[in-house]
N, C-alpha and C. Protein backbone atom coordinates (compact mmCIF):
# COMPACT_ATOMS: atom_id res chain seq x y z
N UNK A 1 130.84 -27.91 122.09
CA UNK A 1 129.68 -28.75 122.37
C UNK A 1 129.04 -29.26 121.09
N UNK A 2 128.60 -30.50 121.11
CA UNK A 2 127.86 -31.07 120.00
C UNK A 2 126.38 -30.83 120.25
N UNK A 3 125.74 -30.11 119.35
CA UNK A 3 124.33 -29.76 119.52
C UNK A 3 123.46 -30.81 118.84
N UNK A 4 122.55 -31.42 119.61
CA UNK A 4 121.75 -32.54 119.12
C UNK A 4 120.27 -32.20 119.21
N UNK A 5 119.52 -32.57 118.17
CA UNK A 5 118.06 -32.48 118.18
C UNK A 5 117.50 -33.89 117.99
N UNK A 6 116.42 -34.19 118.70
CA UNK A 6 115.77 -35.50 118.60
C UNK A 6 114.35 -35.29 118.09
N UNK A 7 114.00 -36.03 117.04
CA UNK A 7 112.66 -35.96 116.46
C UNK A 7 112.02 -37.34 116.59
N UNK A 8 110.98 -37.43 117.40
CA UNK A 8 110.29 -38.70 117.62
C UNK A 8 108.88 -38.40 118.10
N UNK A 9 107.91 -39.18 117.67
CA UNK A 9 106.54 -38.91 118.07
C UNK A 9 106.25 -39.35 119.50
N UNK A 10 107.14 -40.15 120.11
CA UNK A 10 106.93 -40.62 121.47
C UNK A 10 107.71 -39.74 122.46
N UNK A 11 106.98 -39.07 123.33
CA UNK A 11 107.62 -38.18 124.30
C UNK A 11 108.55 -38.94 125.23
N UNK A 12 108.19 -40.18 125.56
CA UNK A 12 109.02 -40.98 126.45
C UNK A 12 110.38 -41.28 125.82
N UNK A 13 110.39 -41.55 124.52
CA UNK A 13 111.64 -41.79 123.82
C UNK A 13 112.51 -40.53 123.86
N UNK A 14 111.89 -39.39 123.58
CA UNK A 14 112.65 -38.13 123.59
C UNK A 14 113.22 -37.86 124.98
N UNK A 15 112.43 -38.11 126.01
CA UNK A 15 112.89 -37.89 127.37
C UNK A 15 114.05 -38.82 127.72
N UNK A 16 113.94 -40.07 127.31
CA UNK A 16 115.00 -41.03 127.59
C UNK A 16 116.31 -40.65 126.91
N UNK A 17 116.22 -40.22 125.66
CA UNK A 17 117.43 -39.81 124.93
C UNK A 17 118.04 -38.56 125.56
N UNK A 18 117.20 -37.65 126.02
CA UNK A 18 117.71 -36.46 126.69
C UNK A 18 118.50 -36.84 127.93
N UNK A 19 118.00 -37.79 128.71
CA UNK A 19 118.69 -38.23 129.91
C UNK A 19 120.03 -38.87 129.56
N UNK A 20 120.03 -39.72 128.53
CA UNK A 20 121.27 -40.40 128.15
C UNK A 20 122.31 -39.40 127.64
N UNK A 21 121.90 -38.55 126.72
CA UNK A 21 122.85 -37.61 126.14
C UNK A 21 123.31 -36.57 127.15
N UNK A 22 122.48 -36.31 128.15
CA UNK A 22 122.84 -35.34 129.17
C UNK A 22 123.98 -35.79 130.06
N UNK A 23 124.33 -37.07 130.01
CA UNK A 23 125.45 -37.56 130.81
C UNK A 23 126.80 -37.26 130.16
N UNK A 24 126.79 -36.87 128.89
CA UNK A 24 128.04 -36.59 128.17
C UNK A 24 128.38 -35.11 128.28
N UNK A 25 129.58 -34.77 128.75
CA UNK A 25 129.93 -33.37 128.96
C UNK A 25 130.08 -32.56 127.68
N UNK A 26 130.24 -33.24 126.55
CA UNK A 26 130.47 -32.54 125.29
C UNK A 26 129.24 -32.54 124.38
N UNK A 27 128.09 -32.98 124.91
CA UNK A 27 126.87 -33.07 124.10
C UNK A 27 125.75 -32.27 124.78
N UNK A 28 125.07 -31.46 123.98
CA UNK A 28 123.93 -30.70 124.48
C UNK A 28 122.71 -31.00 123.60
N UNK A 29 121.64 -31.47 124.19
CA UNK A 29 120.41 -31.70 123.44
C UNK A 29 119.66 -30.36 123.39
N UNK A 30 119.66 -29.75 122.22
CA UNK A 30 119.14 -28.40 122.08
C UNK A 30 117.67 -28.35 121.68
N UNK A 31 117.11 -29.49 121.25
CA UNK A 31 115.71 -29.51 120.83
C UNK A 31 115.19 -30.93 120.80
N UNK A 32 113.89 -31.08 121.10
CA UNK A 32 113.22 -32.34 120.86
C UNK A 32 111.78 -32.03 120.48
N UNK A 33 111.25 -32.77 119.53
CA UNK A 33 109.91 -32.47 119.02
C UNK A 33 109.35 -33.68 118.28
N UNK A 34 108.08 -33.59 117.92
CA UNK A 34 107.45 -34.60 117.09
C UNK A 34 107.73 -34.26 115.63
N UNK A 35 107.30 -35.14 114.74
CA UNK A 35 107.60 -34.94 113.33
C UNK A 35 106.98 -33.71 112.71
N UNK A 36 105.78 -33.35 113.17
CA UNK A 36 105.08 -32.22 112.57
C UNK A 36 105.84 -30.92 112.72
N UNK A 37 106.61 -30.79 113.81
CA UNK A 37 107.35 -29.55 114.08
C UNK A 37 108.82 -29.67 113.73
N UNK A 38 109.21 -30.77 113.11
CA UNK A 38 110.62 -31.13 113.02
C UNK A 38 111.47 -30.12 112.25
N UNK A 39 111.10 -29.83 111.02
CA UNK A 39 111.99 -29.05 110.15
C UNK A 39 112.26 -27.67 110.74
N UNK A 40 111.22 -26.95 111.13
CA UNK A 40 111.40 -25.62 111.70
C UNK A 40 112.17 -25.65 113.01
N UNK A 41 111.84 -26.62 113.86
CA UNK A 41 112.50 -26.72 115.17
C UNK A 41 113.98 -27.03 115.01
N UNK A 42 114.30 -27.98 114.15
CA UNK A 42 115.71 -28.35 113.97
C UNK A 42 116.50 -27.19 113.38
N UNK A 43 115.95 -26.54 112.40
CA UNK A 43 116.68 -25.44 111.77
C UNK A 43 116.92 -24.29 112.74
N UNK A 44 115.93 -23.98 113.56
CA UNK A 44 116.11 -22.88 114.52
C UNK A 44 117.04 -23.24 115.67
N UNK A 45 117.18 -24.52 115.94
CA UNK A 45 118.04 -24.96 117.04
C UNK A 45 119.51 -24.92 116.70
N UNK A 46 119.83 -24.95 115.42
CA UNK A 46 121.23 -24.99 115.01
C UNK A 46 121.91 -26.31 115.33
N UNK A 47 121.14 -27.39 115.35
CA UNK A 47 121.70 -28.69 115.71
C UNK A 47 122.75 -29.16 114.72
N UNK A 48 123.79 -29.79 115.24
CA UNK A 48 124.83 -30.40 114.42
C UNK A 48 124.43 -31.82 114.02
N UNK A 49 123.71 -32.49 114.92
CA UNK A 49 123.30 -33.88 114.72
C UNK A 49 121.81 -34.00 115.02
N UNK A 50 121.10 -34.75 114.18
CA UNK A 50 119.69 -35.00 114.40
C UNK A 50 119.45 -36.50 114.49
N UNK A 51 118.75 -36.92 115.53
CA UNK A 51 118.30 -38.30 115.65
C UNK A 51 116.83 -38.30 115.29
N UNK A 52 116.48 -38.96 114.20
CA UNK A 52 115.16 -38.82 113.59
C UNK A 52 114.45 -40.17 113.49
N UNK A 53 113.26 -40.26 114.06
CA UNK A 53 112.46 -41.47 113.96
C UNK A 53 112.13 -41.71 112.49
N UNK A 54 112.34 -42.94 112.03
CA UNK A 54 112.17 -43.21 110.61
C UNK A 54 110.70 -43.32 110.21
N UNK A 55 109.84 -43.63 111.20
CA UNK A 55 108.42 -43.77 110.88
C UNK A 55 107.57 -43.17 112.00
N UNK A 56 106.81 -42.11 111.66
CA UNK A 56 105.99 -41.41 112.63
C UNK A 56 104.57 -41.26 112.08
N UNK A 57 103.58 -41.17 112.95
CA UNK A 57 102.20 -41.09 112.47
C UNK A 57 101.81 -39.76 111.84
N UNK A 58 102.43 -38.66 112.30
CA UNK A 58 102.01 -37.35 111.80
C UNK A 58 102.76 -36.91 110.55
N UNK A 59 103.96 -37.43 110.34
CA UNK A 59 104.72 -37.09 109.14
C UNK A 59 105.76 -38.19 108.90
N UNK A 60 106.01 -38.49 107.65
CA UNK A 60 106.98 -39.52 107.29
C UNK A 60 108.39 -39.04 107.63
N UNK A 61 109.15 -39.88 108.35
CA UNK A 61 110.52 -39.52 108.68
C UNK A 61 111.38 -39.28 107.46
N UNK A 62 111.10 -39.99 106.38
CA UNK A 62 111.86 -39.79 105.15
C UNK A 62 111.61 -38.40 104.57
N UNK A 63 110.40 -37.90 104.72
CA UNK A 63 110.09 -36.55 104.25
C UNK A 63 110.86 -35.52 105.06
N UNK A 64 110.91 -35.70 106.36
CA UNK A 64 111.68 -34.79 107.22
C UNK A 64 113.15 -34.84 106.84
N UNK A 65 113.67 -36.05 106.65
CA UNK A 65 115.08 -36.21 106.26
C UNK A 65 115.36 -35.46 104.97
N UNK A 66 114.51 -35.62 103.98
CA UNK A 66 114.70 -34.97 102.69
C UNK A 66 114.75 -33.45 102.84
N UNK A 67 113.87 -32.91 103.66
CA UNK A 67 113.82 -31.45 103.84
C UNK A 67 115.02 -30.94 104.62
N UNK A 68 115.46 -31.69 105.61
CA UNK A 68 116.65 -31.29 106.37
C UNK A 68 117.89 -31.33 105.50
N UNK A 69 118.01 -32.35 104.68
CA UNK A 69 119.19 -32.49 103.84
C UNK A 69 119.23 -31.45 102.72
N UNK A 70 118.09 -30.80 102.45
CA UNK A 70 118.04 -29.79 101.40
C UNK A 70 118.58 -28.44 101.86
N UNK A 71 118.86 -28.30 103.14
CA UNK A 71 119.37 -27.03 103.67
C UNK A 71 120.79 -26.77 103.16
N UNK A 72 121.20 -25.51 103.21
CA UNK A 72 122.53 -25.14 102.72
C UNK A 72 123.63 -25.81 103.53
N UNK A 73 123.46 -25.87 104.84
CA UNK A 73 124.44 -26.53 105.71
C UNK A 73 123.70 -27.55 106.57
N UNK A 74 123.33 -28.68 105.98
CA UNK A 74 122.48 -29.64 106.68
C UNK A 74 123.19 -30.33 107.84
N UNK A 75 122.45 -30.67 108.89
CA UNK A 75 123.04 -31.45 109.98
C UNK A 75 123.23 -32.90 109.56
N UNK A 76 124.03 -33.62 110.31
CA UNK A 76 124.13 -35.06 110.12
C UNK A 76 122.88 -35.69 110.72
N UNK A 77 122.23 -36.56 109.97
CA UNK A 77 120.97 -37.16 110.42
C UNK A 77 121.11 -38.67 110.50
N UNK A 78 120.85 -39.21 111.68
CA UNK A 78 120.79 -40.66 111.86
C UNK A 78 119.34 -41.04 112.15
N UNK A 79 118.88 -42.11 111.53
CA UNK A 79 117.51 -42.54 111.67
C UNK A 79 117.37 -43.45 112.89
N UNK A 80 116.33 -43.20 113.69
CA UNK A 80 116.00 -44.05 114.83
C UNK A 80 114.95 -45.06 114.38
N UNK A 81 115.16 -46.32 114.71
CA UNK A 81 114.22 -47.34 114.28
C UNK A 81 114.14 -48.46 115.30
N UNK A 82 113.09 -49.23 115.23
CA UNK A 82 112.92 -50.39 116.11
C UNK A 82 112.75 -51.66 115.29
N UNK A 83 112.98 -51.56 114.00
CA UNK A 83 112.71 -52.70 113.13
C UNK A 83 113.65 -52.65 111.92
N UNK A 84 113.77 -53.81 111.25
CA UNK A 84 114.57 -53.91 110.04
C UNK A 84 113.64 -53.93 108.83
N UNK A 85 113.22 -52.77 108.39
CA UNK A 85 112.34 -52.67 107.22
C UNK A 85 113.18 -52.17 106.05
N UNK A 86 113.54 -53.09 105.17
CA UNK A 86 114.50 -52.76 104.12
C UNK A 86 114.07 -51.60 103.27
N UNK A 87 112.76 -51.50 102.97
CA UNK A 87 112.33 -50.44 102.08
C UNK A 87 112.56 -49.06 102.70
N UNK A 88 112.40 -48.95 104.04
CA UNK A 88 112.63 -47.68 104.71
C UNK A 88 114.13 -47.38 104.79
N UNK A 89 114.91 -48.39 105.16
CA UNK A 89 116.34 -48.18 105.33
C UNK A 89 117.01 -47.82 104.01
N UNK A 90 116.67 -48.53 102.97
CA UNK A 90 117.25 -48.25 101.66
C UNK A 90 116.89 -46.86 101.19
N UNK A 91 115.62 -46.47 101.37
CA UNK A 91 115.19 -45.13 100.96
C UNK A 91 115.93 -44.07 101.76
N UNK A 92 116.12 -44.29 103.06
CA UNK A 92 116.82 -43.32 103.89
C UNK A 92 118.27 -43.17 103.46
N UNK A 93 118.90 -44.27 103.10
CA UNK A 93 120.27 -44.20 102.59
C UNK A 93 120.33 -43.32 101.35
N UNK A 94 119.39 -43.52 100.45
CA UNK A 94 119.41 -42.77 99.21
C UNK A 94 119.07 -41.28 99.43
N UNK A 95 118.40 -40.99 100.53
CA UNK A 95 118.07 -39.60 100.84
C UNK A 95 119.17 -38.91 101.65
N UNK A 96 120.23 -39.63 101.96
CA UNK A 96 121.37 -39.00 102.61
C UNK A 96 121.52 -39.22 104.10
N UNK A 97 120.83 -40.21 104.66
CA UNK A 97 120.99 -40.51 106.09
C UNK A 97 122.44 -40.89 106.39
N UNK A 98 122.93 -40.42 107.53
CA UNK A 98 124.30 -40.72 107.92
C UNK A 98 124.39 -41.98 108.76
N UNK A 99 123.26 -42.65 108.99
CA UNK A 99 123.32 -43.90 109.72
C UNK A 99 122.00 -44.29 110.33
N UNK A 100 122.03 -45.39 111.10
CA UNK A 100 120.84 -45.95 111.71
C UNK A 100 121.15 -46.39 113.13
N UNK A 101 120.25 -46.06 114.04
CA UNK A 101 120.39 -46.45 115.44
C UNK A 101 119.09 -47.06 115.92
N UNK A 102 119.17 -48.13 116.68
CA UNK A 102 117.98 -48.69 117.30
C UNK A 102 117.65 -47.88 118.55
N UNK A 103 116.35 -47.75 118.82
CA UNK A 103 115.93 -46.94 119.97
C UNK A 103 116.39 -47.53 121.30
N UNK A 104 116.67 -48.83 121.31
CA UNK A 104 117.14 -49.45 122.55
C UNK A 104 118.65 -49.64 122.55
N UNK A 105 119.35 -48.80 121.80
CA UNK A 105 120.81 -48.88 121.77
C UNK A 105 121.39 -48.66 123.16
N UNK A 106 122.52 -49.30 123.42
CA UNK A 106 123.24 -49.10 124.67
C UNK A 106 123.59 -47.62 124.83
N UNK A 107 123.40 -47.02 126.03
CA UNK A 107 123.69 -45.59 126.22
C UNK A 107 125.09 -45.17 125.77
N UNK A 108 126.09 -45.97 126.11
CA UNK A 108 127.45 -45.61 125.72
C UNK A 108 127.60 -45.64 124.20
N UNK A 109 126.96 -46.61 123.57
CA UNK A 109 127.02 -46.70 122.12
C UNK A 109 126.34 -45.49 121.48
N UNK A 110 125.24 -45.04 122.07
CA UNK A 110 124.53 -43.88 121.54
C UNK A 110 125.39 -42.63 121.61
N UNK A 111 126.07 -42.44 122.74
CA UNK A 111 126.94 -41.27 122.89
C UNK A 111 128.08 -41.33 121.88
N UNK A 112 128.68 -42.51 121.71
CA UNK A 112 129.76 -42.66 120.73
C UNK A 112 129.24 -42.37 119.33
N UNK A 113 128.03 -42.82 119.05
CA UNK A 113 127.46 -42.60 117.72
C UNK A 113 127.28 -41.12 117.44
N UNK A 114 126.80 -40.37 118.41
CA UNK A 114 126.61 -38.92 118.23
C UNK A 114 127.96 -38.25 117.96
N UNK A 115 128.97 -38.64 118.68
CA UNK A 115 130.30 -38.06 118.45
C UNK A 115 130.82 -38.41 117.06
N UNK A 116 130.58 -39.64 116.63
CA UNK A 116 131.00 -40.04 115.29
C UNK A 116 130.29 -39.22 114.23
N UNK A 117 128.99 -39.04 114.39
CA UNK A 117 128.21 -38.25 113.43
C UNK A 117 128.70 -36.81 113.39
N UNK A 118 128.97 -36.23 114.55
CA UNK A 118 129.44 -34.85 114.61
C UNK A 118 130.79 -34.68 113.94
N UNK A 119 131.60 -35.75 113.96
CA UNK A 119 132.93 -35.71 113.35
C UNK A 119 132.89 -36.01 111.86
N UNK A 120 131.69 -36.21 111.32
CA UNK A 120 131.56 -36.47 109.90
C UNK A 120 131.54 -37.94 109.53
N UNK A 121 131.48 -38.81 110.54
CA UNK A 121 131.44 -40.23 110.28
C UNK A 121 130.01 -40.72 110.09
N UNK A 122 129.83 -42.03 110.00
CA UNK A 122 128.52 -42.63 109.83
C UNK A 122 128.38 -43.79 110.79
N UNK A 123 127.14 -44.14 111.12
CA UNK A 123 126.91 -45.16 112.14
C UNK A 123 125.87 -46.17 111.68
N UNK A 124 126.10 -47.41 112.04
CA UNK A 124 125.15 -48.50 111.79
C UNK A 124 125.05 -49.33 113.05
N UNK A 125 123.87 -49.37 113.64
CA UNK A 125 123.68 -50.17 114.84
C UNK A 125 123.85 -51.65 114.51
N UNK A 126 124.41 -52.43 115.43
CA UNK A 126 124.54 -53.87 115.19
C UNK A 126 123.21 -54.54 114.87
N UNK A 127 122.11 -53.97 115.33
CA UNK A 127 120.82 -54.58 115.06
C UNK A 127 120.31 -54.39 113.65
N UNK A 128 120.96 -53.51 112.89
CA UNK A 128 120.59 -53.34 111.49
C UNK A 128 121.38 -54.39 110.71
N UNK A 129 120.70 -55.37 110.22
CA UNK A 129 121.38 -56.55 109.69
C UNK A 129 122.17 -56.28 108.42
N UNK A 130 123.21 -57.08 108.26
CA UNK A 130 124.03 -56.97 107.05
C UNK A 130 123.21 -57.26 105.79
N UNK A 131 122.23 -58.14 105.91
CA UNK A 131 121.41 -58.45 104.75
C UNK A 131 120.67 -57.22 104.25
N UNK A 132 120.18 -56.39 105.18
CA UNK A 132 119.46 -55.17 104.80
C UNK A 132 120.42 -54.19 104.13
N UNK A 133 121.56 -53.96 104.77
CA UNK A 133 122.52 -53.00 104.22
C UNK A 133 123.11 -53.52 102.92
N UNK A 134 123.39 -54.82 102.88
CA UNK A 134 123.94 -55.40 101.66
C UNK A 134 122.98 -55.29 100.49
N UNK A 135 121.69 -55.25 100.78
CA UNK A 135 120.70 -55.14 99.72
C UNK A 135 120.60 -53.76 99.13
N UNK A 136 121.33 -52.80 99.67
CA UNK A 136 121.27 -51.43 99.16
C UNK A 136 121.77 -51.33 97.73
N UNK A 137 122.79 -52.12 97.40
CA UNK A 137 123.35 -52.08 96.06
C UNK A 137 122.94 -53.33 95.28
N UNK A 138 122.42 -53.15 94.09
CA UNK A 138 122.10 -54.27 93.22
C UNK A 138 123.39 -54.82 92.62
N UNK A 139 123.28 -55.93 91.91
CA UNK A 139 124.46 -56.48 91.23
C UNK A 139 125.04 -55.47 90.26
N UNK A 140 124.16 -54.74 89.57
CA UNK A 140 124.63 -53.72 88.63
C UNK A 140 125.34 -52.60 89.37
N UNK A 141 124.80 -52.22 90.55
CA UNK A 141 125.43 -51.19 91.36
C UNK A 141 126.83 -51.63 91.79
N UNK A 142 126.93 -52.90 92.18
CA UNK A 142 128.22 -53.40 92.63
C UNK A 142 129.26 -53.34 91.51
N UNK A 143 128.85 -53.71 90.31
CA UNK A 143 129.76 -53.65 89.18
C UNK A 143 130.17 -52.22 88.88
N UNK A 144 129.19 -51.31 88.97
CA UNK A 144 129.49 -49.90 88.72
C UNK A 144 130.41 -49.34 89.81
N UNK A 145 130.19 -49.78 91.06
CA UNK A 145 131.04 -49.32 92.15
C UNK A 145 132.48 -49.77 91.94
N UNK A 146 132.64 -51.04 91.58
CA UNK A 146 133.99 -51.54 91.35
C UNK A 146 134.67 -50.79 90.21
N UNK A 147 133.92 -50.47 89.16
CA UNK A 147 134.47 -49.72 88.04
C UNK A 147 134.86 -48.31 88.48
N UNK A 148 133.99 -47.66 89.26
CA UNK A 148 134.27 -46.30 89.71
C UNK A 148 135.48 -46.27 90.64
N UNK A 149 135.59 -47.27 91.51
CA UNK A 149 136.71 -47.32 92.44
C UNK A 149 138.03 -47.42 91.69
N UNK A 150 138.01 -48.13 90.56
CA UNK A 150 139.24 -48.26 89.76
C UNK A 150 139.68 -46.91 89.21
N UNK A 151 138.78 -45.93 89.16
CA UNK A 151 139.14 -44.61 88.68
C UNK A 151 139.68 -43.68 89.75
N UNK A 152 139.72 -44.16 91.00
CA UNK A 152 140.24 -43.34 92.09
C UNK A 152 141.76 -43.40 92.12
N UNK A 153 142.38 -42.36 92.66
CA UNK A 153 143.82 -42.39 92.89
C UNK A 153 144.11 -43.33 94.06
N UNK A 154 145.36 -43.79 94.20
CA UNK A 154 145.68 -44.65 95.35
C UNK A 154 145.32 -44.01 96.69
N UNK A 155 145.58 -42.71 96.83
CA UNK A 155 145.25 -42.04 98.08
C UNK A 155 143.74 -41.99 98.29
N UNK A 156 142.99 -41.72 97.24
CA UNK A 156 141.53 -41.69 97.36
C UNK A 156 140.99 -43.06 97.74
N UNK A 157 141.58 -44.11 97.18
CA UNK A 157 141.15 -45.46 97.53
C UNK A 157 141.43 -45.76 99.00
N UNK A 158 142.58 -45.28 99.48
CA UNK A 158 142.92 -45.47 100.88
C UNK A 158 141.91 -44.75 101.78
N UNK A 159 141.57 -43.53 101.41
CA UNK A 159 140.60 -42.76 102.19
C UNK A 159 139.23 -43.43 102.14
N UNK A 160 138.85 -43.95 100.97
CA UNK A 160 137.57 -44.64 100.84
C UNK A 160 137.51 -45.85 101.74
N UNK A 161 138.59 -46.61 101.82
CA UNK A 161 138.62 -47.78 102.70
C UNK A 161 138.42 -47.37 104.15
N UNK A 162 138.98 -46.23 104.54
CA UNK A 162 138.83 -45.76 105.91
C UNK A 162 137.42 -45.22 106.16
N UNK A 163 136.81 -44.65 105.13
CA UNK A 163 135.40 -44.29 105.23
C UNK A 163 134.57 -45.55 105.49
N UNK A 164 134.98 -46.65 104.88
CA UNK A 164 134.29 -47.92 105.08
C UNK A 164 134.40 -48.42 106.51
N UNK A 165 135.38 -47.93 107.25
CA UNK A 165 135.51 -48.27 108.67
C UNK A 165 134.71 -47.31 109.55
N UNK A 166 134.08 -46.31 108.93
CA UNK A 166 133.26 -45.37 109.68
C UNK A 166 134.02 -44.20 110.27
N UNK A 167 135.22 -43.94 109.81
CA UNK A 167 136.02 -42.87 110.39
C UNK A 167 135.61 -41.51 109.84
N UNK A 168 135.70 -40.49 110.70
CA UNK A 168 135.51 -39.12 110.29
C UNK A 168 136.80 -38.56 109.71
N UNK A 169 136.75 -37.33 109.18
CA UNK A 169 137.92 -36.74 108.53
C UNK A 169 139.11 -36.64 109.48
N UNK A 170 138.87 -36.19 110.71
CA UNK A 170 139.98 -36.03 111.66
C UNK A 170 140.62 -37.38 111.98
N UNK A 171 139.77 -38.41 112.12
CA UNK A 171 140.29 -39.74 112.41
C UNK A 171 141.09 -40.30 111.25
N UNK A 172 140.62 -40.06 110.03
CA UNK A 172 141.36 -40.49 108.85
C UNK A 172 142.70 -39.77 108.77
N UNK A 173 142.67 -38.47 109.06
CA UNK A 173 143.90 -37.67 109.02
C UNK A 173 144.93 -38.23 110.00
N UNK A 174 144.49 -38.58 111.20
CA UNK A 174 145.41 -39.16 112.19
C UNK A 174 145.94 -40.51 111.71
N UNK A 175 145.09 -41.29 111.07
CA UNK A 175 145.49 -42.64 110.65
C UNK A 175 146.57 -42.59 109.56
N UNK A 176 146.44 -41.66 108.61
CA UNK A 176 147.37 -41.68 107.47
C UNK A 176 148.33 -40.49 107.45
N UNK A 177 148.29 -39.67 108.51
CA UNK A 177 149.28 -38.61 108.65
C UNK A 177 149.11 -37.44 107.70
N UNK A 178 147.86 -37.04 107.45
CA UNK A 178 147.58 -35.88 106.62
C UNK A 178 146.81 -34.83 107.41
N UNK A 179 146.78 -33.62 106.90
CA UNK A 179 145.97 -32.57 107.52
C UNK A 179 144.49 -32.88 107.28
N UNK A 180 143.65 -32.48 108.22
CA UNK A 180 142.22 -32.72 108.06
C UNK A 180 141.67 -32.04 106.81
N UNK A 181 142.20 -30.88 106.50
CA UNK A 181 141.74 -30.16 105.30
C UNK A 181 142.07 -30.94 104.04
N UNK A 182 143.23 -31.60 104.04
CA UNK A 182 143.62 -32.41 102.88
C UNK A 182 142.72 -33.63 102.74
N UNK A 183 142.42 -34.25 103.87
CA UNK A 183 141.50 -35.40 103.85
C UNK A 183 140.13 -34.96 103.35
N UNK A 184 139.67 -33.80 103.80
CA UNK A 184 138.38 -33.28 103.36
C UNK A 184 138.34 -33.13 101.85
N UNK A 185 139.46 -32.64 101.27
CA UNK A 185 139.54 -32.49 99.81
C UNK A 185 139.48 -33.86 99.13
N UNK A 186 140.18 -34.84 99.68
CA UNK A 186 140.16 -36.19 99.11
C UNK A 186 138.75 -36.79 99.17
N UNK A 187 138.08 -36.59 100.30
CA UNK A 187 136.73 -37.13 100.45
C UNK A 187 135.79 -36.49 99.45
N UNK A 188 135.88 -35.17 99.32
CA UNK A 188 135.02 -34.47 98.37
C UNK A 188 135.25 -34.98 96.95
N UNK A 189 136.51 -35.18 96.60
CA UNK A 189 136.84 -35.63 95.25
C UNK A 189 136.35 -37.04 94.99
N UNK A 190 136.55 -37.94 95.94
CA UNK A 190 136.16 -39.33 95.70
C UNK A 190 134.64 -39.50 95.71
N UNK A 191 133.94 -38.74 96.54
CA UNK A 191 132.49 -38.82 96.53
C UNK A 191 131.93 -38.34 95.20
N UNK A 192 132.56 -37.30 94.64
CA UNK A 192 132.13 -36.81 93.33
C UNK A 192 132.40 -37.85 92.25
N UNK A 193 133.55 -38.50 92.30
CA UNK A 193 133.89 -39.52 91.31
C UNK A 193 132.97 -40.73 91.40
N UNK A 194 132.45 -40.98 92.59
CA UNK A 194 131.56 -42.12 92.78
C UNK A 194 130.10 -41.76 92.51
N UNK A 195 129.88 -40.60 91.94
CA UNK A 195 128.52 -40.25 91.53
C UNK A 195 127.80 -39.30 92.45
N UNK A 196 128.53 -38.55 93.28
CA UNK A 196 127.89 -37.59 94.17
C UNK A 196 127.18 -38.23 95.34
N UNK A 197 127.69 -39.38 95.80
CA UNK A 197 127.06 -40.09 96.91
C UNK A 197 127.51 -39.48 98.24
N UNK A 198 126.91 -39.96 99.35
CA UNK A 198 127.31 -39.47 100.66
C UNK A 198 128.24 -40.48 101.34
N UNK A 199 128.63 -40.18 102.58
CA UNK A 199 129.65 -40.97 103.24
C UNK A 199 129.20 -42.40 103.55
N UNK A 200 127.97 -42.55 104.01
CA UNK A 200 127.53 -43.90 104.35
C UNK A 200 127.35 -44.74 103.08
N UNK A 201 126.92 -44.10 102.00
CA UNK A 201 126.84 -44.80 100.72
C UNK A 201 128.24 -45.19 100.26
N UNK A 202 129.21 -44.30 100.47
CA UNK A 202 130.59 -44.60 100.10
C UNK A 202 131.13 -45.78 100.91
N UNK A 203 130.73 -45.87 102.19
CA UNK A 203 131.16 -46.99 103.02
C UNK A 203 130.66 -48.31 102.44
N UNK A 204 129.43 -48.30 101.95
CA UNK A 204 128.87 -49.51 101.36
C UNK A 204 129.56 -49.82 100.04
N UNK A 205 129.84 -48.79 99.26
CA UNK A 205 130.58 -48.99 98.02
C UNK A 205 131.94 -49.60 98.31
N UNK A 206 132.62 -49.09 99.34
CA UNK A 206 133.92 -49.62 99.71
C UNK A 206 133.82 -51.10 100.06
N UNK A 207 132.78 -51.46 100.78
CA UNK A 207 132.58 -52.87 101.15
C UNK A 207 132.31 -53.71 99.92
N UNK A 208 131.40 -53.24 99.06
CA UNK A 208 131.03 -54.01 97.87
C UNK A 208 132.20 -54.14 96.90
N UNK A 209 133.09 -53.14 96.90
CA UNK A 209 134.24 -53.17 96.00
C UNK A 209 135.41 -53.94 96.59
N UNK A 210 135.23 -54.46 97.83
CA UNK A 210 136.27 -55.28 98.44
C UNK A 210 137.39 -54.52 99.11
N UNK A 211 137.17 -53.23 99.44
CA UNK A 211 138.22 -52.45 100.08
C UNK A 211 138.28 -52.66 101.57
N UNK A 212 137.18 -53.14 102.16
CA UNK A 212 137.16 -53.45 103.59
C UNK A 212 136.63 -54.86 103.75
N UNK A 213 136.94 -55.45 104.88
CA UNK A 213 136.58 -56.85 105.09
C UNK A 213 135.08 -57.04 105.31
N UNK A 214 134.39 -55.98 105.73
CA UNK A 214 132.95 -56.07 105.98
C UNK A 214 132.48 -54.77 106.60
N UNK A 215 131.19 -54.60 106.68
CA UNK A 215 130.65 -53.38 107.27
C UNK A 215 130.79 -53.47 108.77
N UNK A 216 131.58 -52.56 109.41
CA UNK A 216 131.78 -52.65 110.83
C UNK A 216 130.48 -52.45 111.60
N UNK A 217 130.40 -53.00 112.75
CA UNK A 217 129.24 -52.84 113.59
C UNK A 217 129.47 -51.68 114.55
N UNK A 218 128.40 -50.93 114.85
CA UNK A 218 128.49 -49.80 115.76
C UNK A 218 128.77 -48.53 114.97
N UNK A 219 129.83 -48.53 114.18
CA UNK A 219 130.06 -47.44 113.25
C UNK A 219 130.31 -48.05 111.89
N UNK A 220 130.07 -47.29 110.85
CA UNK A 220 130.23 -47.81 109.51
C UNK A 220 130.81 -46.74 108.60
């Protein structure tokens, strides 16, 4: 079972997500709370995936994200949003968010996104515009990314391109015929070579370096 926690200041949103996720036989919503109770509740729940409101009145979603990501074995965190606010999205990327979902996402898309996050992948809702995500890297960042990518082995570059498609380790392993443990080693190595970034940041690097045709919609 994929254990999911939802953090949102609106009880109606939490209830709606519980109903949607409850339709999936492999997903269990183990906790839901407002931002003030988020860190303690999520940690005690043992959630694998957290859906976190990016902006809440009682506590900043970015602060919650930062604290969750500081744990020894942090869950995958996707930010819930209803708007394209570049300053929030860019900051969340830099704090280690595994993706972004709109609160009015299609139910089937939401379920797929949770499964992708649990598998180690990353997600970008179609409503999060390419202009916002493209703005994550400056021109200097793009040049540095291209330079860093040139230092990867051919296999690492191949894995990076598949990260750019939003695939998790198991999916990459199936695609290129390697063991998941071997793919995990390649991912760890290439993320370190790219400056200790996370998977969604690596997906953007792959796009900016020309390894993929564009940032996929739905998953990234």
